[in-house]
Structures are given as C-alpha cells and as structure tokens.
Amino acid sequence: MWWSDWISGLTVLLTLPLIPIFMILIGLATRIV
C-alpha cells in the first residue's frame, strides 16, 4: 500500500497500532477471567 500510495500506507501505519493496544488491554482482562 505504501509503495502504491504513500498517504494511504501512512494512514494504515498510524492507525494499525490501535488494534494491538486494545488487544493487549482486552487480552489481560480475558486472561484473568
């Protein structure tokens, strides 16, 4: 995506980490329960 359209690639690169962050937070809660 970056090679085809760097703006879209940058957008994905900036928003993508939000998912792992929430996954970690939810994963901690999931492991406890």
Full PDB file with SEQRES, HELIX, SHEET, SSBOND, CRYST1, ORIGX, SCALE, CONECT and MASTER records, all heavy atoms in Angstrom:
SEQRES   1 A   33  MET TRP TRP SER ASP TRP ILE SER GLY LEU THR VAL LEU          
SEQRES   2 A   33  LEU THR LEU PRO LEU ILE PRO ILE PHE MET ILE LEU ILE          
SEQRES   3 A   33  GLY LEU ALA THR ARG ILE VAL                                  
HELIX    1 AA1 TRP A    6  THR A   15  1                                  10    
HELIX    2 AA2 LEU A   18  ILE A   32  1                                  15    
CRYST1    1.000    1.000    1.000  90.00  90.00  90.00 P 1           1          
ORIGX1      1.000000  0.000000  0.000000        0.00000                         
ORIGX2      0.000000  1.000000  0.000000        0.00000                         
ORIGX3      0.000000  0.000000  1.000000        0.00000                         
SCALE1      1.000000  0.000000  0.000000        0.00000                         
SCALE2      0.000000  1.000000  0.000000        0.00000                         
SCALE3      0.000000  0.000000  1.000000        0.00000                         
ATOM      1  N   MET A   1       0.835  -1.206   0.000  1.00  0.00           N  
ATOM      2  CA  MET A   1       0.000   0.000   0.000  1.00  0.00           C  
ATOM      3  C   MET A   1       0.869   1.255   0.000  1.00  0.00           C  
ATOM      4  O   MET A   1       0.574   2.225  -0.708  1.00  0.00           O  
ATOM      5  CB  MET A   1      -0.925  -0.006   1.223  1.00  0.00           C  
ATOM      6  CG  MET A   1      -2.012  -1.080   1.186  1.00  0.00           C  
ATOM      7  SD  MET A   1      -3.053  -1.059   2.660  1.00  0.00           S  
ATOM      8  CE  MET A   1      -3.849   0.526   2.492  1.00  0.00           C  
ATOM      9  N   TRP A   2       1.938   1.254   0.790  1.00  0.00           N  
ATOM     10  CA  TRP A   2       2.834   2.410   0.827  1.00  0.00           C  
ATOM     11  C   TRP A   2       3.479   2.635  -0.540  1.00  0.00           C  
ATOM     12  O   TRP A   2       3.611   3.775  -0.994  1.00  0.00           O  
ATOM     13  CB  TRP A   2       3.910   2.188   1.893  1.00  0.00           C  
ATOM     14  CG  TRP A   2       4.766   3.397   2.149  1.00  0.00           C  
ATOM     15  CD1 TRP A   2       5.687   3.959   1.293  1.00  0.00           C  
ATOM     16  CD2 TRP A   2       4.779   4.209   3.329  1.00  0.00           C  
ATOM     17  NE1 TRP A   2       6.269   5.055   1.856  1.00  0.00           N  
ATOM     18  CE2 TRP A   2       5.725   5.240   3.126  1.00  0.00           C  
ATOM     19  CE3 TRP A   2       4.096   4.166   4.537  1.00  0.00           C  
ATOM     20  CZ2 TRP A   2       6.010   6.192   4.081  1.00  0.00           C  
ATOM     21  CZ3 TRP A   2       4.374   5.123   5.488  1.00  0.00           C  
ATOM     22  CH2 TRP A   2       5.322   6.131   5.257  1.00  0.00           C  
ATOM     23  N   TRP A   3       3.882   1.549  -1.173  1.00  0.00           N  
ATOM     24  CA  TRP A   3       4.511   1.653  -2.490  1.00  0.00           C  
ATOM     25  C   TRP A   3       3.515   2.196  -3.523  1.00  0.00           C  
ATOM     26  O   TRP A   3       3.878   2.964  -4.403  1.00  0.00           O  
ATOM     27  CB  TRP A   3       5.027   0.286  -2.910  1.00  0.00           C  
ATOM     28  CG  TRP A   3       5.641   0.260  -4.278  1.00  0.00           C  
ATOM     29  CD1 TRP A   3       6.860   0.736  -4.667  1.00  0.00           C  
ATOM     30  CD2 TRP A   3       5.029  -0.275  -5.464  1.00  0.00           C  
ATOM     31  NE1 TRP A   3       7.059   0.541  -6.016  1.00  0.00           N  
ATOM     32  CE2 TRP A   3       5.936  -0.089  -6.533  1.00  0.00           C  
ATOM     33  CE3 TRP A   3       3.806  -0.900  -5.738  1.00  0.00           C  
ATOM     34  CZ2 TRP A   3       5.667  -0.499  -7.820  1.00  0.00           C  
ATOM     35  CZ3 TRP A   3       3.541  -1.303  -7.030  1.00  0.00           C  
ATOM     36  CH2 TRP A   3       4.464  -1.096  -8.052  1.00  0.00           C  
ATOM     37  N   SER A   4       2.235   1.810  -3.422  1.00  0.00           N  
ATOM     38  CA  SER A   4       1.223   2.262  -4.376  1.00  0.00           C  
ATOM     39  C   SER A   4       0.741   3.676  -4.064  1.00  0.00           C  
ATOM     40  O   SER A   4       0.528   4.485  -4.970  1.00  0.00           O  
ATOM     41  CB  SER A   4       0.017   1.297  -4.364  1.00  0.00           C  
ATOM     42  OG  SER A   4       0.427  -0.016  -4.677  1.00  0.00           O  
ATOM     43  N   ASP A   5       0.530   3.979  -2.758  1.00  0.00           N  
ATOM     44  CA  ASP A   5       0.027   5.297  -2.355  1.00  0.00           C  
ATOM     45  C   ASP A   5       0.519   5.545  -0.927  1.00  0.00           C  
ATOM     46  O   ASP A   5      -0.056   5.029   0.034  1.00  0.00           O  
ATOM     47  CB  ASP A   5      -1.504   5.319  -2.422  1.00  0.00           C  
ATOM     48  CG  ASP A   5      -2.084   6.635  -1.915  1.00  0.00           C  
ATOM     49  OD1 ASP A   5      -1.387   7.666  -2.021  1.00  0.00           O  
ATOM     50  OD2 ASP A   5      -3.210   6.607  -1.386  1.00  0.00           O  
ATOM     51  N   TRP A   6       1.567   6.365  -0.803  1.00  0.00           N  
ATOM     52  CA  TRP A   6       2.208   6.516   0.493  1.00  0.00           C  
ATOM     53  C   TRP A   6       1.299   7.157   1.542  1.00  0.00           C  
ATOM     54  O   TRP A   6       1.424   6.900   2.733  1.00  0.00           O  
ATOM     55  CB  TRP A   6       3.496   7.331   0.356  1.00  0.00           C  
ATOM     56  CG  TRP A   6       3.297   8.794   0.068  1.00  0.00           C  
ATOM     57  CD1 TRP A   6       3.209   9.381  -1.156  1.00  0.00           C  
ATOM     58  CD2 TRP A   6       3.149   9.831   1.042  1.00  0.00           C  
ATOM     59  NE1 TRP A   6       3.020  10.740  -1.027  1.00  0.00           N  
ATOM     60  CE2 TRP A   6       2.982  11.048   0.314  1.00  0.00           C  
ATOM     61  CE3 TRP A   6       3.141   9.876   2.430  1.00  0.00           C  
ATOM     62  CZ2 TRP A   6       2.819  12.284   0.946  1.00  0.00           C  
ATOM     63  CZ3 TRP A   6       2.983  11.099   3.060  1.00  0.00           C  
ATOM     64  CH2 TRP A   6       2.820  12.279   2.330  1.00  0.00           C  
ATOM     65  N   ILE A   7       0.344   7.955   1.103  1.00  0.00           N  
ATOM     66  CA  ILE A   7      -0.583   8.574   2.059  1.00  0.00           C  
ATOM     67  C   ILE A   7      -1.464   7.500   2.713  1.00  0.00           C  
ATOM     68  O   ILE A   7      -1.649   7.481   3.939  1.00  0.00           O  
ATOM     69  CB  ILE A   7      -1.432   9.643   1.358  1.00  0.00           C  
ATOM     70  CG1 ILE A   7      -0.545  10.790   0.857  1.00  0.00           C  
ATOM     71  CG2 ILE A   7      -2.515  10.167   2.310  1.00  0.00           C  
ATOM     72  CD1 ILE A   7      -1.299  11.872   0.125  1.00  0.00           C  
ATOM     73  N   SER A   8      -2.001   6.603   1.892  1.00  0.00           N  
ATOM     74  CA  SER A   8      -2.819   5.515   2.447  1.00  0.00           C  
ATOM     75  C   SER A   8      -1.964   4.590   3.308  1.00  0.00           C  
ATOM     76  O   SER A   8      -2.401   4.121   4.377  1.00  0.00           O  
ATOM     77  CB  SER A   8      -3.470   4.722   1.313  1.00  0.00           C  
ATOM     78  OG  SER A   8      -4.347   5.535   0.578  1.00  0.00           O  
ATOM     79  N   GLY A   9      -0.739   4.326   2.851  1.00  0.00           N  
ATOM     80  CA  GLY A   9       0.156   3.481   3.634  1.00  0.00           C  
ATOM     81  C   GLY A   9       0.467   4.089   4.986  1.00  0.00           C  
ATOM     82  O   GLY A   9       0.492   3.397   6.008  1.00  0.00           O  
ATOM     83  N   LEU A  10       0.704   5.414   4.994  1.00  0.00           N  
ATOM     84  CA  LEU A  10       0.990   6.099   6.255  1.00  0.00           C  
ATOM     85  C   LEU A  10      -0.241   6.080   7.169  1.00  0.00           C  
ATOM     86  O   LEU A  10      -0.121   5.912   8.388  1.00  0.00           O  
ATOM     87  CB  LEU A  10       1.407   7.539   5.966  1.00  0.00           C  
ATOM     88  CG  LEU A  10       1.746   8.399   7.189  1.00  0.00           C  
ATOM     89  CD1 LEU A  10       2.918   7.805   7.955  1.00  0.00           C  
ATOM     90  CD2 LEU A  10       2.040   9.834   6.759  1.00  0.00           C  
ATOM     91  N   THR A  11      -1.422   6.249   6.585  1.00  0.00           N  
ATOM     92  CA  THR A  11      -2.656   6.206   7.385  1.00  0.00           C  
ATOM     93  C   THR A  11      -2.818   4.855   8.071  1.00  0.00           C  
ATOM     94  O   THR A  11      -3.139   4.773   9.263  1.00  0.00           O  
ATOM     95  CB  THR A  11      -3.872   6.488   6.492  1.00  0.00           C  
ATOM     96  OG1 THR A  11      -3.702   7.750   5.834  1.00  0.00           O  
ATOM     97  CG2 THR A  11      -5.154   6.502   7.313  1.00  0.00           C  
ATOM     98  N   VAL A  12      -2.597   3.799   7.310  1.00  0.00           N  
ATOM     99  CA  VAL A  12      -2.697   2.446   7.888  1.00  0.00           C  
ATOM    100  C   VAL A  12      -1.634   2.262   8.959  1.00  0.00           C  
ATOM    101  O   VAL A  12      -1.898   1.696  10.028  1.00  0.00           O  
ATOM    102  CB  VAL A  12      -2.558   1.386   6.782  1.00  0.00           C  
ATOM    103  CG1 VAL A  12      -2.471  -0.010   7.391  1.00  0.00           C  
ATOM    104  CG2 VAL A  12      -3.727   1.464   5.819  1.00  0.00           C  
ATOM    105  N   LEU A  13      -0.430   2.738   8.690  1.00  0.00           N  
ATOM    106  CA  LEU A  13       0.668   2.556   9.649  1.00  0.00           C  
ATOM    107  C   LEU A  13       0.388   3.283  10.962  1.00  0.00           C  
ATOM    108  O   LEU A  13       0.779   2.814  12.034  1.00  0.00           O  
ATOM    109  CB  LEU A  13       1.967   3.090   9.021  1.00  0.00           C  
ATOM    110  CG  LEU A  13       3.274   2.622   9.654  1.00  0.00           C  
ATOM    111  CD1 LEU A  13       3.395   1.111   9.579  1.00  0.00           C  
ATOM    112  CD2 LEU A  13       4.462   3.273   8.962  1.00  0.00           C  
ATOM    113  N   LEU A  14      -0.295   4.412  10.894  1.00  0.00           N  
ATOM    114  CA  LEU A  14      -0.595   5.165  12.107  1.00  0.00           C  
ATOM    115  C   LEU A  14      -1.792   4.595  12.878  1.00  0.00           C  
ATOM    116  O   LEU A  14      -1.839   4.672  14.111  1.00  0.00           O  
ATOM    117  CB  LEU A  14      -0.863   6.631  11.760  1.00  0.00           C  
ATOM    118  CG  LEU A  14       0.345   7.427  11.239  1.00  0.00           C  
ATOM    119  CD1 LEU A  14      -0.090   8.834  10.821  1.00  0.00           C  
ATOM    120  CD2 LEU A  14       1.452   7.494  12.279  1.00  0.00           C  
ATOM    121  N   THR A  15      -2.764   4.059  12.166  1.00  0.00           N  
ATOM    122  CA  THR A  15      -3.971   3.546  12.830  1.00  0.00           C  
ATOM    123  C   THR A  15      -3.842   2.081  13.238  1.00  0.00           C  
ATOM    124  O   THR A  15      -4.538   1.626  14.155  1.00  0.00           O  
ATOM    125  CB  THR A  15      -5.195   3.700  11.917  1.00  0.00           C  
ATOM    126  OG1 THR A  15      -4.939   3.026  10.657  1.00  0.00           O  
ATOM    127  CG2 THR A  15      -5.473   5.163  11.652  1.00  0.00           C  
ATOM    128  N   LEU A  16      -2.956   1.358  12.579  1.00  0.00           N  
ATOM    129  CA  LEU A  16      -2.815  -0.081  12.851  1.00  0.00           C  
ATOM    130  C   LEU A  16      -2.439  -0.387  14.301  1.00  0.00           C  
ATOM    131  O   LEU A  16      -2.959  -1.343  14.884  1.00  0.00           O  
ATOM    132  CB  LEU A  16      -1.787  -0.683  11.888  1.00  0.00           C  
ATOM    133  CG  LEU A  16      -1.855  -2.193  11.643  1.00  0.00           C  
ATOM    134  CD1 LEU A  16      -3.214  -2.574  11.078  1.00  0.00           C  
ATOM    135  CD2 LEU A  16      -0.756  -2.623  10.681  1.00  0.00           C  
ATOM    136  N   PRO A  17      -1.529   0.376  14.927  1.00  0.00           N  
ATOM    137  CA  PRO A  17      -1.158   0.050  16.319  1.00  0.00           C  
ATOM    138  C   PRO A  17      -2.308   0.141  17.309  1.00  0.00           C  
ATOM    139  O   PRO A  17      -2.204  -0.402  18.417  1.00  0.00           O  
ATOM    140  CB  PRO A  17      -0.080   1.095  16.644  1.00  0.00           C  
ATOM    141  CG  PRO A  17       0.489   1.496  15.330  1.00  0.00           C  
ATOM    142  CD  PRO A  17      -0.667   1.445  14.384  1.00  0.00           C  
ATOM    143  N   LEU A  18      -3.390   0.860  16.958  1.00  0.00           N  
ATOM    144  CA  LEU A  18      -4.512   0.940  17.889  1.00  0.00           C  
ATOM    145  C   LEU A  18      -5.092  -0.444  18.187  1.00  0.00           C  
ATOM    146  O   LEU A  18      -5.523  -0.730  19.314  1.00  0.00           O  
ATOM    147  CB  LEU A  18      -5.604   1.845  17.318  1.00  0.00           C  
ATOM    148  CG  LEU A  18      -5.238   3.334  17.177  1.00  0.00           C  
ATOM    149  CD1 LEU A  18      -6.381   4.080  16.491  1.00  0.00           C  
ATOM    150  CD2 LEU A  18      -4.960   3.940  18.552  1.00  0.00           C  
ATOM    151  N   ILE A  19      -5.099  -1.305  17.177  1.00  0.00           N  
ATOM    152  CA  ILE A  19      -5.671  -2.642  17.363  1.00  0.00           C  
ATOM    153  C   ILE A  19      -4.840  -3.472  18.332  1.00  0.00           C  
ATOM    154  O   ILE A  19      -5.384  -4.061  19.280  1.00  0.00           O  
ATOM    155  CB  ILE A  19      -5.839  -3.345  16.003  1.00  0.00           C  
ATOM    156  CG1 ILE A  19      -6.854  -2.578  15.140  1.00  0.00           C  
ATOM    157  CG2 ILE A  19      -6.271  -4.791  16.189  1.00  0.00           C  
ATOM    158  CD1 ILE A  19      -7.079  -3.171  13.776  1.00  0.00           C  
ATOM    159  N   PRO A  20      -3.504  -3.569  18.161  1.00  0.00           N  
ATOM    160  CA  PRO A  20      -2.718  -4.321  19.161  1.00  0.00           C  
ATOM    161  C   PRO A  20      -2.825  -3.752  20.572  1.00  0.00           C  
ATOM    162  O   PRO A  20      -2.833  -4.512  21.544  1.00  0.00           O  
ATOM    163  CB  PRO A  20      -1.283  -4.208  18.637  1.00  0.00           C  
ATOM    164  CG  PRO A  20      -1.412  -3.949  17.190  1.00  0.00           C  
ATOM    165  CD  PRO A  20      -2.660  -3.149  17.031  1.00  0.00           C  
ATOM    166  N   ILE A  21      -2.892  -2.419  20.680  1.00  0.00           N  
ATOM    167  CA  ILE A  21      -3.013  -1.823  22.021  1.00  0.00           C  
ATOM    168  C   ILE A  21      -4.295  -2.287  22.702  1.00  0.00           C  
ATOM    169  O   ILE A  21      -4.284  -2.722  23.868  1.00  0.00           O  
ATOM    170  CB  ILE A  21      -2.966  -0.285  21.921  1.00  0.00           C  
ATOM    171  CG1 ILE A  21      -1.557   0.175  21.516  1.00  0.00           C  
ATOM    172  CG2 ILE A  21      -3.370   0.340  23.262  1.00  0.00           C  
ATOM    173  CD1 ILE A  21      -1.473   1.658  21.250  1.00  0.00           C  
ATOM    174  N   PHE A  22      -5.402  -2.231  21.971  1.00  0.00           N  
ATOM    175  CA  PHE A  22      -6.659  -2.696  22.556  1.00  0.00           C  
ATOM    176  C   PHE A  22      -6.652  -4.206  22.756  1.00  0.00           C  
ATOM    177  O   PHE A  22      -7.260  -4.718  23.698  1.00  0.00           O  
ATOM    178  CB  PHE A  22      -7.833  -2.272  21.655  1.00  0.00           C  
ATOM    179  CG  PHE A  22      -8.331  -0.893  21.940  1.00  0.00           C  
ATOM    180  CD1 PHE A  22      -7.727   0.213  21.370  1.00  0.00           C  
ATOM    181  CD2 PHE A  22      -9.401  -0.693  22.804  1.00  0.00           C  
ATOM    182  CE1 PHE A  22      -8.175   1.497  21.641  1.00  0.00           C  
ATOM    183  CE2 PHE A  22      -9.859   0.593  23.076  1.00  0.00           C  
ATOM    184  CZ  PHE A  22      -9.248   1.697  22.495  1.00  0.00           C  
ATOM    185  N   MET A  23      -5.957  -4.929  21.865  1.00  0.00           N  
ATOM    186  CA  MET A  23      -5.857  -6.378  22.037  1.00  0.00           C  
ATOM    187  C   MET A  23      -5.135  -6.720  23.333  1.00  0.00           C  
ATOM    188  O   MET A  23      -5.518  -7.650  24.057  1.00  0.00           O  
ATOM    189  CB  MET A  23      -5.117  -6.996  20.850  1.00  0.00           C  
ATOM    190  CG  MET A  23      -5.956  -7.165  19.599  1.00  0.00           C  
ATOM    191  SD  MET A  23      -4.964  -7.778  18.213  1.00  0.00           S  
ATOM    192  CE  MET A  23      -4.275  -9.274  18.928  1.00  0.00           C  
ATOM    193  N   ILE A  24      -4.072  -5.986  23.633  1.00  0.00           N  
ATOM    194  CA  ILE A  24      -3.323  -6.248  24.871  1.00  0.00           C  
ATOM    195  C   ILE A  24      -4.187  -5.965  26.083  1.00  0.00           C  
ATOM    196  O   ILE A  24      -4.244  -6.755  27.036  1.00  0.00           O  
ATOM    197  CB  ILE A  24      -2.040  -5.393  24.895  1.00  0.00           C  
ATOM    198  CG1 ILE A  24      -1.065  -5.866  23.802  1.00  0.00           C  
ATOM    199  CG2 ILE A  24      -1.371  -5.475  26.269  1.00  0.00           C  
ATOM    200  CD1 ILE A  24       0.141  -4.975  23.643  1.00  0.00           C  
ATOM    201  N   LEU A  25      -4.877  -4.820  26.059  1.00  0.00           N  
ATOM    202  CA  LEU A  25      -5.728  -4.462  27.195  1.00  0.00           C  
ATOM    203  C   LEU A  25      -6.850  -5.489  27.392  1.00  0.00           C  
ATOM    204  O   LEU A  25      -7.116  -5.955  28.506  1.00  0.00           O  
ATOM    205  CB  LEU A  25      -6.324  -3.070  26.986  1.00  0.00           C  
ATOM    206  CG  LEU A  25      -5.315  -1.902  26.957  1.00  0.00           C  
ATOM    207  CD1 LEU A  25      -6.040  -0.599  26.648  1.00  0.00           C  
ATOM    208  CD2 LEU A  25      -4.570  -1.803  28.285  1.00  0.00           C  
ATOM    209  N   ILE A  26      -7.484  -5.855  26.293  1.00  0.00           N  
ATOM    210  CA  ILE A  26      -8.564  -6.837  26.378  1.00  0.00           C  
ATOM    211  C   ILE A  26      -8.002  -8.210  26.725  1.00  0.00           C  
ATOM    212  O   ILE A  26      -8.622  -8.994  27.461  1.00  0.00           O  
ATOM    213  CB  ILE A  26      -9.355  -6.874  25.052  1.00  0.00           C  
ATOM    214  CG1 ILE A  26     -10.043  -5.522  24.816  1.00  0.00           C  
ATOM    215  CG2 ILE A  26     -10.384  -7.989  25.074  1.00  0.00           C  
ATOM    216  CD1 ILE A  26     -10.673  -5.388  23.455  1.00  0.00           C  
ATOM    217  N   GLY A  27      -6.810  -8.521  26.184  1.00  0.00           N  
ATOM    218  CA  GLY A  27      -6.197  -9.808  26.474  1.00  0.00           C  
ATOM    219  C   GLY A  27      -5.891  -9.995  27.946  1.00  0.00           C  
ATOM    220  O   GLY A  27      -6.048 -11.084  28.499  1.00  0.00           O  
ATOM    221  N   LEU A  28      -5.458  -8.918  28.603  1.00  0.00           N  
ATOM    222  CA  LEU A  28      -5.199  -9.005  30.045  1.00  0.00           C  
ATOM    223  C   LEU A  28      -6.486  -9.315  30.806  1.00  0.00           C  
ATOM    224  O   LEU A  28      -6.496 -10.150  31.719  1.00  0.00           O  
ATOM    225  CB  LEU A  28      -4.589  -7.693  30.546  1.00  0.00           C  
ATOM    226  CG  LEU A  28      -3.173  -7.374  30.040  1.00  0.00           C  
ATOM    227  CD1 LEU A  28      -2.744  -5.989  30.505  1.00  0.00           C  
ATOM    228  CD2 LEU A  28      -2.180  -8.429  30.527  1.00  0.00           C  
ATOM    229  N   ALA A  29      -7.550  -8.626  30.420  1.00  0.00           N  
ATOM    230  CA  ALA A  29      -8.832  -8.905  31.074  1.00  0.00           C  
ATOM    231  C   ALA A  29      -9.310 -10.321  30.768  1.00  0.00           C  
ATOM    232  O   ALA A  29      -9.830 -11.022  31.645  1.00  0.00           O  
ATOM    233  CB  ALA A  29      -9.877  -7.886  30.613  1.00  0.00           C  
ATOM    234  N   THR A  30      -9.104 -10.755  29.538  1.00  0.00           N  
ATOM    235  CA  THR A  30      -9.524 -12.094  29.150  1.00  0.00           C  
ATOM    236  C   THR A  30      -8.762 -13.154  29.923  1.00  0.00           C  
ATOM    237  O   THR A  30      -9.333 -14.159  30.374  1.00  0.00           O  
ATOM    238  CB  THR A  30      -9.317 -12.302  27.644  1.00  0.00           C  
ATOM    239  OG1 THR A  30     -10.054 -11.324  26.928  1.00  0.00           O  
ATOM    240  CG2 THR A  30      -9.758 -13.686  27.220  1.00  0.00           C  
ATOM    241  N   ARG A  31      -7.457 -12.947  30.087  1.00  0.00           N  
ATOM    242  CA  ARG A  31      -6.660 -13.947  30.801  1.00  0.00           C  
ATOM    243  C   ARG A  31      -7.112 -14.080  32.245  1.00  0.00           C  
ATOM    244  O   ARG A  31      -7.177 -15.182  32.790  1.00  0.00           O  
ATOM    245  CB  ARG A  31      -5.179 -13.573  30.757  1.00  0.00           C  
ATOM    246  CG  ARG A  31      -4.293 -14.568  31.493  1.00  0.00           C  
ATOM    247  CD  ARG A  31      -2.841 -14.224  31.361  1.00  0.00           C  
ATOM    248  NE  ARG A  31      -2.418 -14.246  29.977  1.00  0.00           N  
ATOM    249  CZ  ARG A  31      -1.187 -13.944  29.576  1.00  0.00           C  
ATOM    250  NH1 ARG A  31      -0.280 -13.573  30.458  1.00  0.00           N  
ATOM    251  NH2 ARG A  31      -0.872 -13.999  28.303  1.00  0.00           N  
ATOM    252  N   ILE A  32      -7.461 -12.955  32.858  1.00  0.00           N  
ATOM    253  CA  ILE A  32      -7.910 -13.010  34.252  1.00  0.00           C  
ATOM    254  C   ILE A  32      -9.194 -13.826  34.366  1.00  0.00           C  
ATOM    255  O   ILE A  32      -9.301 -14.736  35.198  1.00  0.00           O  
ATOM    256  CB  ILE A  32      -8.114 -11.587  34.803  1.00  0.00           C  
ATOM    257  CG1 ILE A  32      -6.759 -10.868  34.909  1.00  0.00           C  
ATOM    258  CG2 ILE A  32      -8.795 -11.634  36.162  1.00  0.00           C  
ATOM    259  CD1 ILE A  32      -6.879  -9.402  35.269  1.00  0.00           C  
ATOM    260  N   VAL A  33     -10.183 -13.504  33.538  1.00  0.00           N  
ATOM    261  CA  VAL A  33     -11.461 -14.218  33.645  1.00  0.00           C  
ATOM    262  C   VAL A  33     -11.318 -15.659  33.163  1.00  0.00           C  
ATOM    263  O   VAL A  33     -11.969 -16.565  33.684  1.00  0.00           O  
ATOM    264  CB  VAL A  33     -12.570 -13.488  32.853  1.00  0.00           C  
ATOM    265  CG1 VAL A  33     -12.827 -12.117  33.443  1.00  0.00           C  
ATOM    266  CG2 VAL A  33     -12.232 -13.369  31.370  1.00  0.00           C  
TER     267      VAL A  33                                                      
MASTER        0    0    0    2    0    0    0    6  266    1    0    3          
END                                                                             
